[in-house]
Amino acid sequence: MLETLTPREQDVFDLLLKCISPKEITYILEISHHTLDTHRTNIYRKLGVKSKKELFNKYKLKKISSLATKENPIIITPFYNAPYTWHYSITLPMFFNNKIIAGEIYTFSYSFTSNVDFNEFCIGFSDRITNVDGFNHLFQGIALSKIIANTEYSSSAIMIPKKSAKCAEPDANQFVIDITPYTINQPILTFTKFELAKNN
């Protein structure tokens, strides 16, 4: 059935399977939210599914926490979050049907390069359902400071949410990256390791 997808629908399908948020998909593909909704509706109809969860189940994507390897890197393009930061959010497969609970311990392991210099690489968890007009930060912390362009950074950070997500819906369980401060040039992060592991 995948062969019935148009080239643009295939682009959207690939990004959906990488758990890229709708807002990020419209940014990456330079399309409107209405156009994205049309593509998504066509994809679901052609593949015989009614939701993203069904899409994941049908195509047997496991609830893994690793999204990038040296052989299969991912490129993250944050969007401008006026007036202070560049922002990126994603629902990781491990949070489909599961919610972030206060006190749980996670380890985020990463390896990436950036195309621009920036001061802080911040990570966190957010619940977009609890605070409709913004973000309810479940955890927020600085993973790295003083990032230099075209330099590889590899490390890990412990993440312990202070608050629980309201429910198990994807929008309530977002992994977020913030790059501060705002830079004139669009930051692009190339990850060869992007792994979140639950420790308890």
Protein backbone atom coordinates (compact mmCIF):
# COMPACT_ATOMS: atom_id res chain seq x y z
CA MET A 1 0.00 0.00 0.00
CA LEU A 2 2.96 2.34 0.47
CA GLU A 3 3.38 2.44 -3.29
CA THR A 4 0.06 4.29 -3.54
CA LEU A 5 1.49 7.30 -1.69
CA THR A 6 2.53 10.33 -3.71
CA PRO A 7 6.13 11.59 -3.27
CA ARG A 8 4.91 14.36 -0.94
CA GLU A 9 2.73 11.94 1.05
CA GLN A 10 5.80 9.70 1.40
CA ASP A 11 7.73 12.66 2.82
CA VAL A 12 4.97 13.25 5.38
CA PHE A 13 4.75 9.51 6.16
CA ASP A 14 8.50 9.30 6.83
CA LEU A 15 8.39 12.28 9.19
CA LEU A 16 5.34 10.90 11.02
CA LEU A 17 7.21 7.64 11.65
CA LYS A 18 10.10 9.64 13.10
CA CYS A 19 7.61 11.18 15.56
CA ILE A 20 8.13 14.68 14.19
CA SER A 21 5.42 17.04 15.42
CA PRO A 22 2.89 18.51 12.93
CA LYS A 23 4.29 22.00 13.48
CA GLU A 24 7.78 20.79 12.66
CA ILE A 25 6.56 18.91 9.57
CA THR A 26 4.98 22.05 8.15
CA TYR A 27 8.23 23.91 8.84
CA ILE A 28 10.49 21.26 7.32
CA LEU A 29 8.35 20.73 4.19
CA GLU A 30 7.35 24.40 3.93
CA ILE A 31 3.64 23.61 3.72
CA SER A 32 0.57 24.94 5.52
CA HIS A 33 -1.21 23.14 8.35
CA HIS A 34 -4.20 22.69 6.02
CA THR A 35 -1.99 21.01 3.40
CA LEU A 36 -0.48 18.76 6.06
CA ASP A 37 -3.95 17.75 7.27
CA THR A 38 -4.89 16.85 3.68
CA HIS A 39 -1.75 14.73 3.20
CA ARG A 40 -2.25 13.00 6.56
CA THR A 41 -5.89 12.23 5.78
CA ASN A 42 -4.89 10.75 2.42
CA ILE A 43 -2.11 8.69 4.02
CA TYR A 44 -4.43 7.26 6.68
CA ARG A 45 -7.08 6.44 4.06
CA LYS A 46 -4.62 4.76 1.68
CA LEU A 47 -2.96 2.75 4.47
CA GLY A 48 -6.21 1.83 6.20
CA VAL A 49 -5.52 3.45 9.56
CA LYS A 50 -7.40 6.06 11.61
CA SER A 51 -4.69 7.45 13.89
CA LYS A 52 -0.96 7.79 14.43
CA LYS A 53 -1.10 4.97 16.98
CA GLU A 54 -2.64 2.65 14.38
CA LEU A 55 0.00 3.76 11.89
CA PHE A 56 2.77 2.81 14.33
CA ASN A 57 1.15 -0.52 15.19
CA LYS A 58 0.52 -1.47 11.56
CA TYR A 59 4.06 -0.76 10.49
CA LYS A 60 5.47 -2.50 13.54
CA LEU A 61 7.51 0.36 14.92
CA LYS A 62 8.69 -0.68 18.36
CA LYS A 63 8.54 1.61 21.34
CA ILE A 64 12.22 2.32 21.27
CA SER A 65 14.01 5.34 22.63
CA SER A 66 16.81 5.46 20.05
CA LEU A 67 16.13 7.63 17.00
CA ALA A 68 19.60 8.10 15.51
CA THR A 69 22.80 6.19 14.81
CA LYS A 70 25.98 6.99 12.90
CA GLU A 71 24.59 4.94 10.03
CA ASN A 72 21.19 6.63 10.23
CA PRO A 73 21.53 10.16 11.62
CA ILE A 74 18.60 12.53 12.11
CA ILE A 75 18.60 16.24 11.37
CA ILE A 76 16.66 18.48 13.74
CA THR A 77 15.66 21.93 12.57
CA PRO A 78 14.21 23.94 15.47
CA PHE A 79 11.69 26.70 14.82
CA TYR A 80 11.98 30.28 16.05
CA ASN A 81 10.26 30.68 19.41
CA ALA A 82 10.12 34.47 19.69
CA PRO A 83 11.81 36.33 21.17
CA TYR A 84 14.39 34.24 23.01
CA THR A 85 15.04 30.75 21.66
CA TRP A 86 14.92 28.21 18.90
CA HIS A 87 12.57 25.40 19.91
CA TYR A 88 11.95 21.78 18.93
CA SER A 89 9.50 19.24 20.36
CA ILE A 90 8.82 15.59 19.64
CA THR A 91 6.75 12.74 21.06
CA LEU A 92 9.09 9.76 21.35
CA PRO A 93 7.67 6.29 20.59
CA MET A 94 8.25 5.18 24.18
CA PHE A 95 5.54 7.63 25.29
CA PHE A 96 2.79 6.33 23.05
CA ASN A 97 0.19 4.95 25.52
CA ASN A 98 2.51 5.88 28.41
CA LYS A 99 2.85 9.11 30.33
CA ILE A 100 5.71 10.89 32.01
CA ILE A 101 5.53 10.49 35.80
CA ALA A 102 7.12 12.78 38.38
CA GLY A 103 10.19 11.20 39.97
CA GLU A 104 10.95 8.80 37.12
CA ILE A 105 14.59 8.82 36.06
CA TYR A 106 15.60 9.07 32.41
CA THR A 107 19.00 9.24 30.75
CA PHE A 108 19.29 11.20 27.51
CA SER A 109 22.40 10.17 25.55
CA TYR A 110 23.39 12.18 22.52
CA SER A 111 26.00 13.00 19.93
CA PHE A 112 25.49 15.95 17.61
CA THR A 113 27.03 18.78 15.64
CA SER A 114 25.56 22.23 14.98
CA ASN A 115 25.96 24.50 11.99
CA VAL A 116 26.08 27.63 14.21
CA ASP A 117 27.52 28.73 17.55
CA PHE A 118 25.07 29.14 20.44
CA ASN A 119 25.19 29.50 24.21
CA GLU A 120 22.95 26.78 25.68
CA PHE A 121 21.55 23.42 24.61
CA CYS A 122 18.55 22.83 26.88
CA ILE A 123 16.40 19.71 27.15
CA GLY A 124 13.15 18.97 28.91
CA PHE A 125 9.71 17.36 29.06
CA SER A 126 6.52 19.36 28.46
CA ASP A 127 2.79 18.78 28.62
CA ARG A 128 1.08 20.76 25.84
CA ILE A 129 -2.41 19.66 26.90
CA THR A 130 -2.33 21.01 30.46
CA ASN A 131 -1.31 24.46 29.24
CA VAL A 132 -3.04 24.97 25.89
CA ASP A 133 -1.56 28.42 25.31
CA GLY A 134 2.01 27.38 26.01
CA PHE A 135 3.95 24.67 27.74
CA ASN A 136 3.72 23.11 31.16
CA HIS A 137 7.33 22.19 31.86
CA LEU A 138 7.59 18.80 33.55
CA PHE A 139 11.38 19.06 33.48
CA GLN A 140 13.80 21.64 32.13
CA GLY A 141 17.58 21.70 32.30
CA ILE A 142 20.77 22.81 30.54
CA ALA A 143 22.64 19.90 28.99
CA LEU A 144 25.51 21.86 27.43
CA SER A 145 26.89 25.40 27.32
CA LYS A 146 28.92 27.30 24.71
CA ILE A 147 28.39 25.14 21.63
CA ILE A 148 30.82 25.76 18.75
CA ALA A 149 29.74 25.18 15.16
CA ASN A 150 30.94 22.00 13.41
CA THR A 151 32.21 20.47 16.66
CA GLU A 152 30.87 17.10 17.77
CA TYR A 153 29.42 16.91 21.27
CA SER A 154 28.77 13.53 22.89
CA SER A 155 27.48 13.09 26.41
CA SER A 156 24.46 12.15 28.50
CA ALA A 157 22.16 13.91 30.95
CA ILE A 158 19.87 12.72 33.72
CA MET A 159 16.27 13.93 33.50
CA ILE A 160 13.92 13.64 36.49
CA PRO A 161 10.46 15.19 35.89
CA LYS A 162 9.16 17.34 38.74
CA LYS A 163 5.57 17.00 37.53
CA SER A 164 3.54 14.27 35.82
CA ALA A 165 1.87 14.57 32.44
CA LYS A 166 -1.91 14.96 32.57
CA CYS A 167 -2.57 11.90 30.40
CA ALA A 168 -0.94 9.46 27.96
CA GLU A 169 -1.79 11.50 24.85
CA PRO A 170 1.26 12.31 22.67
CA ASP A 171 0.85 16.09 23.10
CA ALA A 172 1.01 15.67 26.88
CA ASN A 173 4.35 13.87 26.70
CA GLN A 174 6.74 15.98 24.67
CA PHE A 175 10.53 15.83 24.66
CA VAL A 176 11.78 19.36 24.00
CA ILE A 177 15.02 21.01 22.93
CA ASP A 178 15.64 24.74 23.32
CA ILE A 179 18.61 26.58 21.86
CA THR A 180 19.45 29.92 23.47
CA PRO A 181 19.79 32.70 22.76
CA TYR A 182 18.11 33.39 19.44
CA THR A 183 20.69 33.39 16.62
CA ILE A 184 20.38 35.17 13.27
CA ASN A 185 21.19 31.99 11.36
CA GLN A 186 18.86 28.99 11.52
CA PRO A 187 20.44 26.30 13.74
CA ILE A 188 20.48 22.79 12.34
CA LEU A 189 21.50 19.92 14.63
CA THR A 190 22.73 16.64 13.14
CA PHE A 191 22.42 13.80 15.64
CA THR A 192 24.31 10.53 15.26
CA LYS A 193 23.01 9.46 18.67
CA PHE A 194 19.66 10.43 20.15
CA GLU A 195 18.55 8.03 22.86
CA LEU A 196 16.28 8.34 25.84
CA ALA A 197 16.28 5.48 28.34
CA LYS A 198 14.04 5.04 31.36
CA ASN A 199 16.13 3.98 34.36
CA ASN A 200 13.43 2.95 36.83
